[in-house]
């Protein structure tokens, strides 16, 4: 493993990592997209920083997921997954832009994002060649290739940008019903990069 300009240890993201995490998130996003009661309860828990409810809800959607931790900040959530060394952990989450709002998390927007990303997470979890191509684009920091790979799966005008961040993907969505953008992220938490 090498070190980038910021001195943070980098690692080689593999398609298998994306496949594993996407497979664990897929049932959750499906439930958010198609079960309004579940989605309403989840958003309320996000706004109220209710980790106990969120943990129980996520387990009900994806009971076998190797969750290493779940965090919430009132405007979004982050789910950490245990993975073999040297990766240790990889994170998925959805949140508003940091610093722009407090205790705001829209159920209709979250459900729209879930519906939009379902084809992406389905492809990542079922097609190893696709997951490997996405991982390779991230490793090369090839934003143009990543944009093409993502845009064939996420087909909504609400998708404003696709960026490579923290050895992962940041999808920015903007809906007319909110002044703020929401981000759906797959990434490796930089604080554990030295492990």
C-alpha atoms as a PDB file:
ATOM      1  CA  UNK A   1       0.000   0.000   0.000  1.00  0.00           C
ATOM      2  CA  UNK A   2       1.184   3.512  -0.798  1.00  0.00           C
ATOM      3  CA  UNK A   3       0.514   6.906   0.681  1.00  0.00           C
ATOM      4  CA  UNK A   4      -1.265   9.749  -1.072  1.00  0.00           C
ATOM      5  CA  UNK A   5      -0.338  13.436  -0.956  1.00  0.00           C
ATOM      6  CA  UNK A   6      -2.189  13.917   2.319  1.00  0.00           C
ATOM      7  CA  UNK A   7      -0.142  11.155   3.942  1.00  0.00           C
ATOM      8  CA  UNK A   8      -3.126   8.855   4.309  1.00  0.00           C
ATOM      9  CA  UNK A   9      -2.469   5.226   3.568  1.00  0.00           C
ATOM     10  CA  UNK A  10      -4.270   4.119   0.413  1.00  0.00           C
ATOM     11  CA  UNK A  11      -5.498   0.670  -0.502  1.00  0.00           C
ATOM     12  CA  UNK A  12      -6.570  -1.157  -3.627  1.00  0.00           C
ATOM     13  CA  UNK A  13     -10.354  -1.105  -3.740  1.00  0.00           C
ATOM     14  CA  UNK A  14     -11.641  -4.329  -5.276  1.00  0.00           C
ATOM     15  CA  UNK A  15     -14.865  -5.195  -7.008  1.00  0.00           C
ATOM     16  CA  UNK A  16     -15.427  -7.812  -4.310  1.00  0.00           C
ATOM     17  CA  UNK A  17     -15.593  -5.105  -1.617  1.00  0.00           C
ATOM     18  CA  UNK A  18     -18.234  -3.172  -3.554  1.00  0.00           C
ATOM     19  CA  UNK A  19     -20.122  -6.404  -4.298  1.00  0.00           C
ATOM     20  CA  UNK A  20     -20.221  -7.417  -0.625  1.00  0.00           C
ATOM     21  CA  UNK A  21     -21.361  -4.034   0.683  1.00  0.00           C
ATOM     22  CA  UNK A  22     -23.935  -3.533  -2.093  1.00  0.00           C
ATOM     23  CA  UNK A  23     -25.370  -7.004  -1.430  1.00  0.00           C
ATOM     24  CA  UNK A  24     -25.906  -6.119   2.238  1.00  0.00           C
ATOM     25  CA  UNK A  25     -27.455  -2.720   1.445  1.00  0.00           C
ATOM     26  CA  UNK A  26     -29.777  -3.881  -1.324  1.00  0.00           C
ATOM     27  CA  UNK A  27     -32.557  -5.297   0.932  1.00  0.00           C
ATOM     28  CA  UNK A  28     -32.478  -2.116   3.027  1.00  0.00           C
ATOM     29  CA  UNK A  29     -32.824   0.212   0.038  1.00  0.00           C
ATOM     30  CA  UNK A  30     -35.580  -1.983  -1.355  1.00  0.00           C
ATOM     31  CA  UNK A  31     -37.475  -1.685   1.927  1.00  0.00           C
ATOM     32  CA  UNK A  32     -36.962   2.106   2.073  1.00  0.00           C
ATOM     33  CA  UNK A  33     -38.168   2.440  -1.531  1.00  0.00           C
ATOM     34  CA  UNK A  34     -41.288   0.290  -1.239  1.00  0.00           C
ATOM     35  CA  UNK A  35     -42.363   0.366   2.421  1.00  0.00           C
ATOM     36  CA  UNK A  36     -43.501   3.843   3.478  1.00  0.00           C
ATOM     37  CA  UNK A  37     -44.053   2.867   7.127  1.00  0.00           C
ATOM     38  CA  UNK A  38     -40.494   1.530   7.386  1.00  0.00           C
ATOM     39  CA  UNK A  39     -39.086   4.607   5.595  1.00  0.00           C
ATOM     40  CA  UNK A  40     -41.026   7.029   7.829  1.00  0.00           C
ATOM     41  CA  UNK A  41     -39.770   5.298  10.982  1.00  0.00           C
ATOM     42  CA  UNK A  42     -36.192   5.315   9.666  1.00  0.00           C
ATOM     43  CA  UNK A  43     -36.245   9.055   8.852  1.00  0.00           C
ATOM     44  CA  UNK A  44     -37.725   9.868  12.261  1.00  0.00           C
ATOM     45  CA  UNK A  45     -34.952   7.846  13.921  1.00  0.00           C
ATOM     46  CA  UNK A  46     -32.321   9.719  11.859  1.00  0.00           C
ATOM     47  CA  UNK A  47     -33.723  13.110  12.887  1.00  0.00           C
ATOM     48  CA  UNK A  48     -33.989  12.043  16.551  1.00  0.00           C
ATOM     49  CA  UNK A  49     -30.544  10.360  16.657  1.00  0.00           C
ATOM     50  CA  UNK A  50     -32.249   7.110  17.678  1.00  0.00           C
ATOM     51  CA  UNK A  51     -29.567   4.505  17.046  1.00  0.00           C
ATOM     52  CA  UNK A  52     -31.443   1.675  18.803  1.00  0.00           C
ATOM     53  CA  UNK A  53     -34.410   1.967  16.434  1.00  0.00           C
ATOM     54  CA  UNK A  54     -32.102   2.240  13.430  1.00  0.00           C
ATOM     55  CA  UNK A  55     -30.115  -0.854  14.417  1.00  0.00           C
ATOM     56  CA  UNK A  56     -33.282  -2.899  14.888  1.00  0.00           C
ATOM     57  CA  UNK A  57     -34.738  -1.627  11.605  1.00  0.00           C
ATOM     58  CA  UNK A  58     -31.599  -2.372   9.615  1.00  0.00           C
ATOM     59  CA  UNK A  59     -31.365  -5.873  11.117  1.00  0.00           C
ATOM     60  CA  UNK A  60     -34.963  -6.520  10.109  1.00  0.00           C
ATOM     61  CA  UNK A  61     -34.121  -5.586   6.506  1.00  0.00           C
ATOM     62  CA  UNK A  62     -30.721  -7.281   6.244  1.00  0.00           C
ATOM     63  CA  UNK A  63     -30.375  -9.712   9.175  1.00  0.00           C
ATOM     64  CA  UNK A  64     -27.123 -11.381   8.085  1.00  0.00           C
ATOM     65  CA  UNK A  65     -25.207  -8.181   7.304  1.00  0.00           C
ATOM     66  CA  UNK A  66     -21.798  -7.994   9.053  1.00  0.00           C
ATOM     67  CA  UNK A  67     -22.430  -4.524  10.452  1.00  0.00           C
ATOM     68  CA  UNK A  68     -19.468  -3.104  12.362  1.00  0.00           C
ATOM     69  CA  UNK A  69     -21.198   0.094  13.404  1.00  0.00           C
ATOM     70  CA  UNK A  70     -23.980   2.498  12.662  1.00  0.00           C
ATOM     71  CA  UNK A  71     -23.809   6.253  13.172  1.00  0.00           C
ATOM     72  CA  UNK A  72     -26.241   9.121  12.798  1.00  0.00           C
ATOM     73  CA  UNK A  73     -25.906  12.907  12.925  1.00  0.00           C
ATOM     74  CA  UNK A  74     -29.478  14.165  12.541  1.00  0.00           C
ATOM     75  CA  UNK A  75     -29.100  14.792   8.800  1.00  0.00           C
ATOM     76  CA  UNK A  76     -28.011  11.341   7.665  1.00  0.00           C
ATOM     77  CA  UNK A  77     -26.726   7.898   8.563  1.00  0.00           C
ATOM     78  CA  UNK A  78     -23.612   5.797   7.977  1.00  0.00           C
ATOM     79  CA  UNK A  79     -23.416   2.010   8.117  1.00  0.00           C
ATOM     80  CA  UNK A  80     -19.987   0.375   8.529  1.00  0.00           C
ATOM     81  CA  UNK A  81     -19.343  -3.164   7.321  1.00  0.00           C
ATOM     82  CA  UNK A  82     -16.629  -5.524   8.585  1.00  0.00           C
ATOM     83  CA  UNK A  83     -14.350  -6.798   5.846  1.00  0.00           C
ATOM     84  CA  UNK A  84     -11.194  -8.914   5.847  1.00  0.00           C
ATOM     85  CA  UNK A  85      -7.789  -7.241   6.287  1.00  0.00           C
ATOM     86  CA  UNK A  86      -6.294  -5.016   4.968  1.00  0.00           C
ATOM     87  CA  UNK A  87      -9.599  -3.204   4.362  1.00  0.00           C
ATOM     88  CA  UNK A  88     -11.166  -3.777   7.817  1.00  0.00           C
ATOM     89  CA  UNK A  89     -14.215  -1.593   7.183  1.00  0.00           C
ATOM     90  CA  UNK A  90     -16.198   0.011   4.348  1.00  0.00           C
ATOM     91  CA  UNK A  91     -19.086   2.441   4.775  1.00  0.00           C
ATOM     92  CA  UNK A  92     -22.353   3.236   3.040  1.00  0.00           C
ATOM     93  CA  UNK A  93     -24.612   6.127   3.903  1.00  0.00           C
ATOM     94  CA  UNK A  94     -27.037   8.827   2.847  1.00  0.00           C
ATOM     95  CA  UNK A  95     -26.917  12.347   4.254  1.00  0.00           C
ATOM     96  CA  UNK A  96     -27.533  15.993   3.551  1.00  0.00           C
ATOM     97  CA  UNK A  97     -24.568  18.249   2.906  1.00  0.00           C
ATOM     98  CA  UNK A  98     -22.669  18.588   6.162  1.00  0.00           C
ATOM     99  CA  UNK A  99     -23.067  21.925   7.907  1.00  0.00           C
ATOM    100  CA  UNK A 100     -26.082  22.979   5.864  1.00  0.00           C
ATOM    101  CA  UNK A 101     -28.926  21.699   8.073  1.00  0.00           C
ATOM    102  CA  UNK A 102     -29.749  20.262  11.478  1.00  0.00           C
ATOM    103  CA  UNK A 103     -32.174  17.444  12.305  1.00  0.00           C
ATOM    104  CA  UNK A 104     -33.637  17.411   8.809  1.00  0.00           C
ATOM    105  CA  UNK A 105     -34.038  14.215   6.794  1.00  0.00           C
ATOM    106  CA  UNK A 106     -36.846  13.873   4.248  1.00  0.00           C
ATOM    107  CA  UNK A 107     -38.625  10.534   3.857  1.00  0.00           C
ATOM    108  CA  UNK A 108     -39.880  11.279   0.293  1.00  0.00           C
ATOM    109  CA  UNK A 109     -36.386  12.291  -0.836  1.00  0.00           C
ATOM    110  CA  UNK A 110     -34.772   9.300   0.877  1.00  0.00           C
ATOM    111  CA  UNK A 111     -37.274   6.993  -0.833  1.00  0.00           C
ATOM    112  CA  UNK A 112     -36.579   8.657  -4.201  1.00  0.00           C
ATOM    113  CA  UNK A 113     -32.843   8.171  -3.719  1.00  0.00           C
ATOM    114  CA  UNK A 114     -33.388   4.529  -2.724  1.00  0.00           C
ATOM    115  CA  UNK A 115     -35.424   3.904  -5.886  1.00  0.00           C
ATOM    116  CA  UNK A 116     -32.759   5.652  -7.974  1.00  0.00           C
ATOM    117  CA  UNK A 117     -29.822   3.659  -6.563  1.00  0.00           C
ATOM    118  CA  UNK A 118     -31.512   0.245  -6.492  1.00  0.00           C
ATOM    119  CA  UNK A 119     -30.356  -0.624 -10.052  1.00  0.00           C
ATOM    120  CA  UNK A 120     -26.804   0.410  -9.142  1.00  0.00           C
ATOM    121  CA  UNK A 121     -26.659  -1.653  -5.948  1.00  0.00           C
ATOM    122  CA  UNK A 122     -28.330  -4.565  -7.739  1.00  0.00           C
ATOM    123  CA  UNK A 123     -25.687  -4.474 -10.482  1.00  0.00           C
ATOM    124  CA  UNK A 124     -22.805  -4.105  -8.012  1.00  0.00           C
ATOM    125  CA  UNK A 125     -24.077  -7.043  -5.955  1.00  0.00           C
ATOM    126  CA  UNK A 126     -24.874  -9.385  -8.861  1.00  0.00           C
ATOM    127  CA  UNK A 127     -22.325  -8.682 -11.592  1.00  0.00           C
ATOM    128  CA  UNK A 128     -18.716  -9.044 -10.488  1.00  0.00           C
ATOM    129  CA  UNK A 129     -17.417  -7.680 -13.814  1.00  0.00           C
ATOM    130  CA  UNK A 130     -19.411  -4.474 -13.300  1.00  0.00           C
ATOM    131  CA  UNK A 131     -18.297  -4.130  -9.665  1.00  0.00           C
ATOM    132  CA  UNK A 132     -14.680  -4.673 -10.766  1.00  0.00           C
ATOM    133  CA  UNK A 133     -14.980  -2.028 -13.488  1.00  0.00           C
ATOM    134  CA  UNK A 134     -16.355   0.503 -10.965  1.00  0.00           C
ATOM    135  CA  UNK A 135     -13.567  -0.326  -8.494  1.00  0.00           C
ATOM    136  CA  UNK A 136     -10.927   0.007 -11.230  1.00  0.00           C
ATOM    137  CA  UNK A 137     -12.240   3.449 -12.221  1.00  0.00           C
ATOM    138  CA  UNK A 138     -12.063   4.546  -8.573  1.00  0.00           C
ATOM    139  CA  UNK A 139      -8.509   3.207  -8.168  1.00  0.00           C
ATOM    140  CA  UNK A 140      -7.409   5.061 -11.332  1.00  0.00           C
ATOM    141  CA  UNK A 141      -9.265   8.199 -10.197  1.00  0.00           C
ATOM    142  CA  UNK A 142     -10.932   8.060 -13.604  1.00  0.00           C
ATOM    143  CA  UNK A 143     -13.986  10.262 -13.024  1.00  0.00           C
ATOM    144  CA  UNK A 144     -15.132  10.114 -16.651  1.00  0.00           C
ATOM    145  CA  UNK A 145     -15.265   6.307 -16.696  1.00  0.00           C
ATOM    146  CA  UNK A 146     -16.975   6.224 -13.311  1.00  0.00           C
ATOM    147  CA  UNK A 147     -19.571   8.734 -14.525  1.00  0.00           C
ATOM    148  CA  UNK A 148     -20.368   6.494 -17.511  1.00  0.00           C
ATOM    149  CA  UNK A 149     -20.581   3.356 -15.367  1.00  0.00           C
ATOM    150  CA  UNK A 150     -22.899   4.993 -12.834  1.00  0.00           C
ATOM    151  CA  UNK A 151     -25.126   6.874 -15.305  1.00  0.00           C
ATOM    152  CA  UNK A 152     -26.231   3.671 -17.048  1.00  0.00           C
ATOM    153  CA  UNK A 153     -27.626   2.447 -13.697  1.00  0.00           C
ATOM    154  CA  UNK A 154     -28.780   5.621 -11.913  1.00  0.00           C
ATOM    155  CA  UNK A 155     -31.254   7.219 -14.290  1.00  0.00           C
ATOM    156  CA  UNK A 156     -32.722  10.292 -12.653  1.00  0.00           C
ATOM    157  CA  UNK A 157     -32.373  13.978 -13.414  1.00  0.00           C
ATOM    158  CA  UNK A 158     -31.942  14.500  -9.676  1.00  0.00           C
ATOM    159  CA  UNK A 159     -28.417  13.057  -9.879  1.00  0.00           C
ATOM    160  CA  UNK A 160     -26.241  16.175  -9.974  1.00  0.00           C
ATOM    161  CA  UNK A 161     -22.748  14.730  -9.749  1.00  0.00           C
ATOM    162  CA  UNK A 162     -20.685  11.558  -9.410  1.00  0.00           C
ATOM    163  CA  UNK A 163     -17.389  12.019  -7.565  1.00  0.00           C
ATOM    164  CA  UNK A 164     -14.564   9.812  -6.377  1.00  0.00           C
ATOM    165  CA  UNK A 165     -14.014  10.363  -2.646  1.00  0.00           C
ATOM    166  CA  UNK A 166     -12.216   8.405   0.064  1.00  0.00           C
ATOM    167  CA  UNK A 167     -11.589   5.375  -2.180  1.00  0.00           C
ATOM    168  CA  UNK A 168     -15.269   5.302  -3.068  1.00  0.00           C
ATOM    169  CA  UNK A 169     -18.215   7.013  -4.708  1.00  0.00           C
ATOM    170  CA  UNK A 170     -20.177  10.105  -3.771  1.00  0.00           C
ATOM    171  CA  UNK A 171     -23.500  10.537  -5.599  1.00  0.00           C
ATOM    172  CA  UNK A 172     -25.061  13.968  -5.127  1.00  0.00           C
ATOM    173  CA  UNK A 173     -28.829  14.278  -5.576  1.00  0.00           C
ATOM    174  CA  UNK A 174     -30.857  17.486  -5.687  1.00  0.00           C
ATOM    175  CA  UNK A 175     -34.658  17.484  -5.581  1.00  0.00           C
ATOM    176  CA  UNK A 176     -37.000  20.447  -6.084  1.00  0.00           C
ATOM    177  CA  UNK A 177     -38.628  19.866  -2.706  1.00  0.00           C
ATOM    178  CA  UNK A 178     -35.403  20.708  -0.844  1.00  0.00           C
ATOM    179  CA  UNK A 179     -32.926  23.571  -1.071  1.00  0.00           C
ATOM    180  CA  UNK A 180     -30.205  21.161   0.011  1.00  0.00           C
ATOM    181  CA  UNK A 181     -28.462  18.313  -1.775  1.00  0.00           C
ATOM    182  CA  UNK A 182     -28.345  14.761  -0.450  1.00  0.00           C
ATOM    183  CA  UNK A 183     -25.345  12.474  -0.867  1.00  0.00           C
ATOM    184  CA  UNK A 184     -25.360   8.696  -1.206  1.00  0.00           C
ATOM    185  CA  UNK A 185     -21.892   7.395  -0.432  1.00  0.00           C
ATOM    186  CA  UNK A 186     -19.777   4.269  -0.586  1.00  0.00           C
ATOM    187  CA  UNK A 187     -16.348   4.905   0.948  1.00  0.00           C
ATOM    188  CA  UNK A 188     -13.561   3.857   3.261  1.00  0.00           C
ATOM    189  CA  UNK A 189     -13.419   5.954   6.413  1.00  0.00           C
ATOM    190  CA  UNK A 190     -10.098   7.809   6.357  1.00  0.00           C
ATOM    191  CA  UNK A 191      -9.671   7.557  10.135  1.00  0.00           C
ATOM    192  CA  UNK A 192      -9.004   3.829   9.826  1.00  0.00           C
ATOM    193  CA  UNK A 193      -6.741   4.147   6.779  1.00  0.00           C
ATOM    194  CA  UNK A 194      -3.622   3.634   8.835  1.00  0.00           C
ATOM    195  CA  UNK A 195      -4.787   0.302  10.225  1.00  0.00           C
END
